[in-house]
Amino acid sequence: MNKCFIIGKIITEIEFKLALSKKIYSASNFKVKTKKDNQEIIIEAYNKQADYCFKNLKCKNVIILEGYLKSNYVVAEKLQKIN
C-alpha cells in the first residue's frame, strides 16, 4: 500500500452511490486537480468518508487528502476542506 498526501481543487461534481445488502455501503468519487503540477486524479471514498464528501464538499473546493494509491485512482482515508 502506498500512502499519499494530495492538495488540490475538486474539478467535478461529487458522485454518490448507495448499495443496500446486509450492510449499507456508500461510495463517492470525483476528480481533483493537484496544486503543484496540475495533474487530474480520480478520488474514491467509501462509507463515512463518502458521506462526508457528499455532504460537505463541492466542485471548486480546495482539499487536503490522505489516502493510498490503487491502480489508476486514490482511495481517500482522511479529507479536510480548506475553503
PDB file of N, CA and C in Angstrom:
ATOM      1  N   MET A   1       0.850  -1.172   0.000  1.00  0.00           N
ATOM      2  CA  MET A   1       0.000   0.000   0.000  1.00  0.00           C
ATOM      3  C   MET A   1       0.898   1.237   0.000  1.00  0.00           C
ATOM      4  N   ASN A   2       0.571   2.180  -0.851  1.00  0.00           N
ATOM      5  CA  ASN A   2       1.330   3.419  -0.980  1.00  0.00           C
ATOM      6  C   ASN A   2       0.538   4.568  -0.371  1.00  0.00           C
ATOM      7  N   LYS A   3       1.058   5.158   0.683  1.00  0.00           N
ATOM      8  CA  LYS A   3       0.402   6.298   1.322  1.00  0.00           C
ATOM      9  C   LYS A   3       0.695   7.552   0.522  1.00  0.00           C
ATOM     10  N   CYS A   4      -0.323   8.398   0.304  1.00  0.00           N
ATOM     11  CA  CYS A   4      -0.096   9.650  -0.430  1.00  0.00           C
ATOM     12  C   CYS A   4      -0.866  10.786   0.238  1.00  0.00           C
ATOM     13  N   PHE A   5      -0.373  11.995   0.037  1.00  0.00           N
ATOM     14  CA  PHE A   5      -0.997  13.212   0.531  1.00  0.00           C
ATOM     15  C   PHE A   5      -1.157  14.136  -0.670  1.00  0.00           C
ATOM     16  N   ILE A   6      -2.351  14.672  -0.855  1.00  0.00           N
ATOM     17  CA  ILE A   6      -2.648  15.485  -2.034  1.00  0.00           C
ATOM     18  C   ILE A   6      -3.328  16.777  -1.592  1.00  0.00           C
ATOM     19  N   ILE A   7      -2.904  17.880  -2.171  1.00  0.00           N
ATOM     20  CA  ILE A   7      -3.598  19.160  -2.023  1.00  0.00           C
ATOM     21  C   ILE A   7      -4.063  19.534  -3.418  1.00  0.00           C
ATOM     22  N   GLY A   8      -5.354  19.789  -3.548  1.00  0.00           N
ATOM     23  CA  GLY A   8      -5.858  20.126  -4.870  1.00  0.00           C
ATOM     24  C   GLY A   8      -7.262  20.672  -4.840  1.00  0.00           C
ATOM     25  N   LYS A   9      -7.730  21.053  -6.027  1.00  0.00           N
ATOM     26  CA  LYS A   9      -9.063  21.622  -6.194  1.00  0.00           C
ATOM     27  C   LYS A   9      -9.976  20.585  -6.846  1.00  0.00           C
ATOM     28  N   ILE A  10     -11.166  20.418  -6.306  1.00  0.00           N
ATOM     29  CA  ILE A  10     -12.146  19.498  -6.883  1.00  0.00           C
ATOM     30  C   ILE A  10     -12.636  20.098  -8.200  1.00  0.00           C
ATOM     31  N   ILE A  11     -12.582  19.305  -9.284  1.00  0.00           N
ATOM     32  CA  ILE A  11     -12.951  19.835 -10.599  1.00  0.00           C
ATOM     33  C   ILE A  11     -14.197  19.175 -11.191  1.00  0.00           C
ATOM     34  N   THR A  12     -14.792  18.211 -10.485  1.00  0.00           N
ATOM     35  CA  THR A  12     -16.039  17.604 -10.938  1.00  0.00           C
ATOM     36  C   THR A  12     -17.032  17.580  -9.783  1.00  0.00           C
ATOM     37  N   GLU A  13     -18.281  17.342 -10.105  1.00  0.00           N
ATOM     38  CA  GLU A  13     -19.283  17.174  -9.060  1.00  0.00           C
ATOM     39  C   GLU A  13     -19.028  15.860  -8.322  1.00  0.00           C
ATOM     40  N   ILE A  14     -19.445  15.802  -7.064  1.00  0.00           N
ATOM     41  CA  ILE A  14     -19.272  14.590  -6.259  1.00  0.00           C
ATOM     42  C   ILE A  14     -20.364  13.602  -6.662  1.00  0.00           C
ATOM     43  N   GLU A  15     -19.970  12.422  -7.123  1.00  0.00           N
ATOM     44  CA  GLU A  15     -20.928  11.357  -7.424  1.00  0.00           C
ATOM     45  C   GLU A  15     -21.074  10.496  -6.181  1.00  0.00           C
ATOM     46  N   PHE A  16     -22.318  10.166  -5.836  1.00  0.00           N
ATOM     47  CA  PHE A  16     -22.580   9.390  -4.626  1.00  0.00           C
ATOM     48  C   PHE A  16     -23.421   8.181  -4.999  1.00  0.00           C
ATOM     49  N   LYS A  17     -23.017   7.017  -4.504  1.00  0.00           N
ATOM     50  CA  LYS A  17     -23.745   5.777  -4.766  1.00  0.00           C
ATOM     51  C   LYS A  17     -23.991   5.070  -3.446  1.00  0.00           C
ATOM     52  N   LEU A  18     -25.162   4.456  -3.358  1.00  0.00           N
ATOM     53  CA  LEU A  18     -25.537   3.746  -2.146  1.00  0.00           C
ATOM     54  C   LEU A  18     -25.996   2.348  -2.534  1.00  0.00           C
ATOM     55  N   ALA A  19     -25.483   1.340  -1.866  1.00  0.00           N
ATOM     56  CA  ALA A  19     -25.884  -0.045  -2.113  1.00  0.00           C
ATOM     57  C   ALA A  19     -26.420  -0.631  -0.814  1.00  0.00           C
ATOM     58  N   LEU A  20     -27.527  -1.298  -0.916  1.00  0.00           N
ATOM     59  CA  LEU A  20     -28.127  -1.931   0.256  1.00  0.00           C
ATOM     60  C   LEU A  20     -28.030  -3.439   0.106  1.00  0.00           C
ATOM     61  N   SER A  21     -27.432  -4.061   1.077  1.00  0.00           N
ATOM     62  CA  SER A  21     -27.391  -5.518   1.144  1.00  0.00           C
ATOM     63  C   SER A  21     -27.491  -5.850   2.622  1.00  0.00           C
ATOM     64  N   LYS A  22     -26.673  -6.734   3.114  1.00  0.00           N
ATOM     65  CA  LYS A  22     -26.667  -6.990   4.558  1.00  0.00           C
ATOM     66  C   LYS A  22     -26.156  -5.781   5.321  1.00  0.00           C
ATOM     67  N   LYS A  23     -25.269  -5.014   4.672  1.00  0.00           N
ATOM     68  CA  LYS A  23     -24.741  -3.783   5.255  1.00  0.00           C
ATOM     69  C   LYS A  23     -25.023  -2.640   4.289  1.00  0.00           C
ATOM     70  N   ILE A  24     -25.128  -1.453   4.813  1.00  0.00           N
ATOM     71  CA  ILE A  24     -25.252  -0.276   3.954  1.00  0.00           C
ATOM     72  C   ILE A  24     -23.849   0.108   3.509  1.00  0.00           C
ATOM     73  N   TYR A  25     -23.706   0.303   2.235  1.00  0.00           N
ATOM     74  CA  TYR A  25     -22.404   0.590   1.651  1.00  0.00           C
ATOM     75  C   TYR A  25     -22.549   1.844   0.808  1.00  0.00           C
ATOM     76  N   SER A  26     -21.728   2.843   1.053  1.00  0.00           N
ATOM     77  CA  SER A  26     -21.785   4.060   0.258  1.00  0.00           C
ATOM     78  C   SER A  26     -20.416   4.331  -0.359  1.00  0.00           C
ATOM     79  N   ALA A  27     -20.445   4.952  -1.528  1.00  0.00           N
ATOM     80  CA  ALA A  27     -19.203   5.292  -2.231  1.00  0.00           C
ATOM     81  C   ALA A  27     -19.405   6.621  -2.937  1.00  0.00           C
ATOM     82  N   SER A  28     -18.346   7.395  -3.001  1.00  0.00           N
ATOM     83  CA  SER A  28     -18.376   8.628  -3.779  1.00  0.00           C
ATOM     84  C   SER A  28     -17.084   8.727  -4.564  1.00  0.00           C
ATOM     85  N   ASN A  29     -17.156   9.407  -5.696  1.00  0.00           N
ATOM     86  CA  ASN A  29     -15.943   9.648  -6.462  1.00  0.00           C
ATOM     87  C   ASN A  29     -16.013  11.005  -7.139  1.00  0.00           C
ATOM     88  N   PHE A  30     -14.819  11.562  -7.392  1.00  0.00           N
ATOM     89  CA  PHE A  30     -14.694  12.871  -8.016  1.00  0.00           C
ATOM     90  C   PHE A  30     -13.259  13.037  -8.485  1.00  0.00           C
ATOM     91  N   LYS A  31     -13.000  14.088  -9.250  1.00  0.00           N
ATOM     92  CA  LYS A  31     -11.644  14.365  -9.721  1.00  0.00           C
ATOM     93  C   LYS A  31     -11.093  15.594  -9.026  1.00  0.00           C
ATOM     94  N   VAL A  32      -9.783  15.541  -8.778  1.00  0.00           N
ATOM     95  CA  VAL A  32      -9.058  16.641  -8.159  1.00  0.00           C
ATOM     96  C   VAL A  32      -7.907  17.026  -9.077  1.00  0.00           C
ATOM     97  N   LYS A  33      -7.691  18.338  -9.243  1.00  0.00           N
ATOM     98  CA  LYS A  33      -6.516  18.834  -9.964  1.00  0.00           C
ATOM     99  C   LYS A  33      -5.520  19.291  -8.911  1.00  0.00           C
ATOM    100  N   THR A  34      -4.313  18.695  -8.940  1.00  0.00           N
ATOM    101  CA  THR A  34      -3.317  18.997  -7.919  1.00  0.00           C
ATOM    102  C   THR A  34      -2.810  20.429  -8.053  1.00  0.00           C
ATOM    103  N   LYS A  35      -2.433  21.020  -6.930  1.00  0.00           N
ATOM    104  CA  LYS A  35      -1.948  22.396  -6.900  1.00  0.00           C
ATOM    105  C   LYS A  35      -0.599  22.547  -7.580  1.00  0.00           C
ATOM    106  N   LYS A  36       0.308  21.605  -7.324  1.00  0.00           N
ATOM    107  CA  LYS A  36       1.683  21.776  -7.761  1.00  0.00           C
ATOM    108  C   LYS A  36       1.870  21.569  -9.263  1.00  0.00           C
ATOM    109  N   ASP A  37       1.362  20.459  -9.802  1.00  0.00           N
ATOM    110  CA  ASP A  37       1.654  20.142 -11.201  1.00  0.00           C
ATOM    111  C   ASP A  37       0.408  19.962 -12.080  1.00  0.00           C
ATOM    112  N   ASN A  38      -0.750  20.368 -11.595  1.00  0.00           N
ATOM    113  CA  ASN A  38      -1.999  20.343 -12.353  1.00  0.00           C
ATOM    114  C   ASN A  38      -2.366  18.979 -12.923  1.00  0.00           C
ATOM    115  N   GLN A  39      -2.035  17.901 -12.235  1.00  0.00           N
ATOM    116  CA  GLN A  39      -2.461  16.579 -12.654  1.00  0.00           C
ATOM    117  C   GLN A  39      -3.884  16.337 -12.187  1.00  0.00           C
ATOM    118  N   GLU A  40      -4.666  15.630 -13.002  1.00  0.00           N
ATOM    119  CA  GLU A  40      -6.020  15.253 -12.616  1.00  0.00           C
ATOM    120  C   GLU A  40      -5.994  13.851 -12.035  1.00  0.00           C
ATOM    121  N   ILE A  41      -6.543  13.709 -10.832  1.00  0.00           N
ATOM    122  CA  ILE A  41      -6.528  12.433 -10.121  1.00  0.00           C
ATOM    123  C   ILE A  41      -7.952  12.070  -9.742  1.00  0.00           C
ATOM    124  N   ILE A  42      -8.325  10.826  -9.974  1.00  0.00           N
ATOM    125  CA  ILE A  42      -9.635  10.329  -9.564  1.00  0.00           C
ATOM    126  C   ILE A  42      -9.551   9.924  -8.096  1.00  0.00           C
ATOM    127  N   ILE A  43     -10.511  10.397  -7.315  1.00  0.00           N
ATOM    128  CA  ILE A  43     -10.567  10.101  -5.886  1.00  0.00           C
ATOM    129  C   ILE A  43     -11.805   9.255  -5.615  1.00  0.00           C
ATOM    130  N   GLU A  44     -11.654   8.206  -4.833  1.00  0.00           N
ATOM    131  CA  GLU A  44     -12.782   7.399  -4.386  1.00  0.00           C
ATOM    132  C   GLU A  44     -12.779   7.372  -2.872  1.00  0.00           C
ATOM    133  N   ALA A  45     -13.971   7.459  -2.304  1.00  0.00           N
ATOM    134  CA  ALA A  45     -14.128   7.397  -0.849  1.00  0.00           C
ATOM    135  C   ALA A  45     -15.269   6.439  -0.535  1.00  0.00           C
ATOM    136  N   TYR A  46     -15.160   5.769   0.589  1.00  0.00           N
ATOM    137  CA  TYR A  46     -16.146   4.765   0.968  1.00  0.00           C
ATOM    138  C   TYR A  46     -16.701   5.029   2.354  1.00  0.00           C
ATOM    139  N   ASN A  47     -17.952   4.628   2.537  1.00  0.00           N
ATOM    140  CA  ASN A  47     -18.667   4.676   3.814  1.00  0.00           C
ATOM    141  C   ASN A  47     -18.618   6.049   4.476  1.00  0.00           C
ATOM    142  N   LYS A  48     -18.022   6.213   5.656  1.00  0.00           N
ATOM    143  CA  LYS A  48     -18.048   7.501   6.363  1.00  0.00           C
ATOM    144  C   LYS A  48     -17.387   8.608   5.541  1.00  0.00           C
ATOM    145  N   GLN A  49     -16.285   8.292   4.881  1.00  0.00           N
ATOM    146  CA  GLN A  49     -15.618   9.299   4.061  1.00  0.00           C
ATOM    147  C   GLN A  49     -16.494   9.695   2.872  1.00  0.00           C
ATOM    148  N   ALA A  50     -17.194   8.742   2.280  1.00  0.00           N
ATOM    149  CA  ALA A  50     -18.096   9.035   1.163  1.00  0.00           C
ATOM    150  C   ALA A  50     -19.233   9.944   1.617  1.00  0.00           C
ATOM    151  N   ASP A  51     -19.778   9.668   2.774  1.00  0.00           N
ATOM    152  CA  ASP A  51     -20.845  10.512   3.327  1.00  0.00           C
ATOM    153  C   ASP A  51     -20.342  11.931   3.564  1.00  0.00           C
ATOM    154  N   TYR A  52     -19.137  12.055   4.125  1.00  0.00           N
ATOM    155  CA  TYR A  52     -18.540  13.373   4.370  1.00  0.00           C
ATOM    156  C   TYR A  52     -18.378  14.134   3.052  1.00  0.00           C
ATOM    157  N   CYS A  53     -17.856  13.462   2.041  1.00  0.00           N
ATOM    158  CA  CYS A  53     -17.641  14.104   0.735  1.00  0.00           C
ATOM    159  C   CYS A  53     -18.955  14.635   0.170  1.00  0.00           C
ATOM    160  N   PHE A  54     -19.980  13.793   0.197  1.00  0.00           N
ATOM    161  CA  PHE A  54     -21.253  14.177  -0.387  1.00  0.00           C
ATOM    162  C   PHE A  54     -21.902  15.345   0.363  1.00  0.00           C
ATOM    163  N   LYS A  55     -21.794  15.349   1.683  1.00  0.00           N
ATOM    164  CA  LYS A  55     -22.432  16.388   2.490  1.00  0.00           C
ATOM    165  C   LYS A  55     -21.664  17.705   2.504  1.00  0.00           C
ATOM    166  N   ASN A  56     -20.331  17.645   2.489  1.00  0.00           N
ATOM    167  CA  ASN A  56     -19.528  18.836   2.773  1.00  0.00           C
ATOM    168  C   ASN A  56     -18.700  19.390   1.624  1.00  0.00           C
ATOM    169  N   LEU A  57     -18.464  18.618   0.581  1.00  0.00           N
ATOM    170  CA  LEU A  57     -17.587  19.077  -0.490  1.00  0.00           C
ATOM    171  C   LEU A  57     -18.380  19.446  -1.735  1.00  0.00           C
ATOM    172  N   LYS A  58     -17.847  20.407  -2.469  1.00  0.00           N
ATOM    173  CA  LYS A  58     -18.460  20.862  -3.716  1.00  0.00           C
ATOM    174  C   LYS A  58     -17.363  21.095  -4.735  1.00  0.00           C
ATOM    175  N   CYS A  59     -17.771  21.171  -5.981  1.00  0.00           N
ATOM    176  CA  CYS A  59     -16.837  21.497  -7.055  1.00  0.00           C
ATOM    177  C   CYS A  59     -16.161  22.833  -6.731  1.00  0.00           C
ATOM    178  N   LYS A  60     -14.886  22.944  -6.993  1.00  0.00           N
ATOM    179  CA  LYS A  60     -14.035  24.120  -6.777  1.00  0.00           C
ATOM    180  C   LYS A  60     -13.550  24.296  -5.341  1.00  0.00           C
ATOM    181  N   ASN A  61     -13.935  23.388  -4.415  1.00  0.00           N
ATOM    182  CA  ASN A  61     -13.338  23.412  -3.080  1.00  0.00           C
ATOM    183  C   ASN A  61     -11.898  22.947  -3.169  1.00  0.00           C
ATOM    184  N   VAL A  62     -11.039  23.532  -2.341  1.00  0.00           N
ATOM    185  CA  VAL A  62      -9.660  23.074  -2.233  1.00  0.00           C
ATOM    186  C   VAL A  62      -9.598  22.161  -1.011  1.00  0.00           C
ATOM    187  N   ILE A  63      -8.979  20.983  -1.185  1.00  0.00           N
ATOM    188  CA  ILE A  63      -8.942  19.994  -0.111  1.00  0.00           C
ATOM    189  C   ILE A  63      -7.522  19.484   0.125  1.00  0.00           C
ATOM    190  N   ILE A  64      -7.324  18.973   1.334  1.00  0.00           N
ATOM    191  CA  ILE A  64      -6.144  18.189   1.672  1.00  0.00           C
ATOM    192  C   ILE A  64      -6.647  16.765   1.852  1.00  0.00           C
ATOM    193  N   LEU A  65      -5.961  15.820   1.237  1.00  0.00           N
ATOM    194  CA  LEU A  65      -6.421  14.452   1.235  1.00  0.00           C
ATOM    195  C   LEU A  65      -5.288  13.515   1.632  1.00  0.00           C
ATOM    196  N   GLU A  66      -5.596  12.561   2.498  1.00  0.00           N
ATOM    197  CA  GLU A  66      -4.661  11.486   2.813  1.00  0.00           C
ATOM    198  C   GLU A  66      -5.304  10.196   2.346  1.00  0.00           C
ATOM    199  N   GLY A  67      -4.556   9.386   1.640  1.00  0.00           N
ATOM    200  CA  GLY A  67      -5.109   8.147   1.138  1.00  0.00           C
ATOM    201  C   GLY A  67      -4.028   7.224   0.637  1.00  0.00           C
ATOM    202  N   TYR A  68      -4.428   6.271  -0.198  1.00  0.00           N
ATOM    203  CA  TYR A  68      -3.454   5.368  -0.786  1.00  0.00           C
ATOM    204  C   TYR A  68      -3.754   5.149  -2.261  1.00  0.00           C
ATOM    205  N   LEU A  69      -2.699   4.868  -3.001  1.00  0.00           N
ATOM    206  CA  LEU A  69      -2.800   4.665  -4.436  1.00  0.00           C
ATOM    207  C   LEU A  69      -3.319   3.265  -4.719  1.00  0.00           C
ATOM    208  N   LYS A  70      -4.211   3.181  -5.709  1.00  0.00           N
ATOM    209  CA  LYS A  70      -4.738   1.895  -6.121  1.00  0.00           C
ATOM    210  C   LYS A  70      -4.907   1.942  -7.633  1.00  0.00           C
ATOM    211  N   SER A  71      -4.092   1.273  -8.364  1.00  0.00           N
ATOM    212  CA  SER A  71      -4.007   1.233  -9.838  1.00  0.00           C
ATOM    213  C   SER A  71      -4.142   2.620 -10.446  1.00  0.00           C
ATOM    214  N   ASN A  72      -5.324   3.044 -10.858  1.00  0.00           N
ATOM    215  CA  ASN A  72      -5.436   4.337 -11.548  1.00  0.00           C
ATOM    216  C   ASN A  72      -6.243   5.379 -10.763  1.00  0.00           C
ATOM    217  N   TYR A  73      -6.338   5.231  -9.446  1.00  0.00           N
ATOM    218  CA  TYR A  73      -7.057   6.216  -8.634  1.00  0.00           C
ATOM    219  C   TYR A  73      -6.519   6.202  -7.206  1.00  0.00           C
ATOM    220  N   VAL A  74      -6.999   7.122  -6.400  1.00  0.00           N
ATOM    221  CA  VAL A  74      -6.599   7.228  -4.991  1.00  0.00           C
ATOM    222  C   VAL A  74      -7.816   6.956  -4.125  1.00  0.00           C
ATOM    223  N   VAL A  75      -7.652   6.127  -3.109  1.00  0.00           N
ATOM    224  CA  VAL A  75      -8.715   5.868  -2.143  1.00  0.00           C
ATOM    225  C   VAL A  75      -8.490   6.784  -0.954  1.00  0.00           C
ATOM    226  N   ALA A  76      -9.489   7.603  -0.639  1.00  0.00           N
ATOM    227  CA  ALA A  76      -9.379   8.598   0.429  1.00  0.00           C
ATOM    228  C   ALA A  76      -9.563   7.954   1.796  1.00  0.00           C
ATOM    229  N   GLU A  77      -8.689   8.278   2.712  1.00  0.00           N
ATOM    230  CA  GLU A  77      -8.817   7.838   4.103  1.00  0.00           C
ATOM    231  C   GLU A  77      -9.198   8.997   5.021  1.00  0.00           C
ATOM    232  N   LYS A  78      -8.622  10.180   4.764  1.00  0.00           N
ATOM    233  CA  LYS A  78      -8.931  11.382   5.530  1.00  0.00           C
ATOM    234  C   LYS A  78      -9.031  12.552   4.563  1.00  0.00           C
ATOM    235  N   LEU A  79     -10.004  13.418   4.790  1.00  0.00           N
ATOM    236  CA  LEU A  79     -10.209  14.606   3.954  1.00  0.00           C
ATOM    237  C   LEU A  79     -10.398  15.814   4.833  1.00  0.00           C
ATOM    238  N   GLN A  80      -9.930  16.950   4.359  1.00  0.00           N
ATOM    239  CA  GLN A  80     -10.175  18.205   5.057  1.00  0.00           C
ATOM    240  C   GLN A  80     -10.353  19.300   4.032  1.00  0.00           C
ATOM    241  N   LYS A  81     -11.458  20.020   4.138  1.00  0.00           N
ATOM    242  CA  LYS A  81     -11.719  21.135   3.244  1.00  0.00           C
ATOM    243  C   LYS A  81     -10.932  22.348   3.707  1.00  0.00           C
ATOM    244  N   ILE A  82     -10.283  23.037   2.772  1.00  0.00           N
ATOM    245  CA  ILE A  82      -9.505  24.215   3.118  1.00  0.00           C
ATOM    246  C   ILE A  82     -10.351  25.476   3.004  1.00  0.00           C
ATOM    247  N   ASN A  83     -11.179  25.581   1.966  1.00  0.00           N
ATOM    248  CA  ASN A  83     -12.012  26.787   1.821  1.00  0.00           C
ATOM    249  C   ASN A  83     -13.453  26.429   1.672  1.00  0.00           C
TER     250      ASN A  83
END
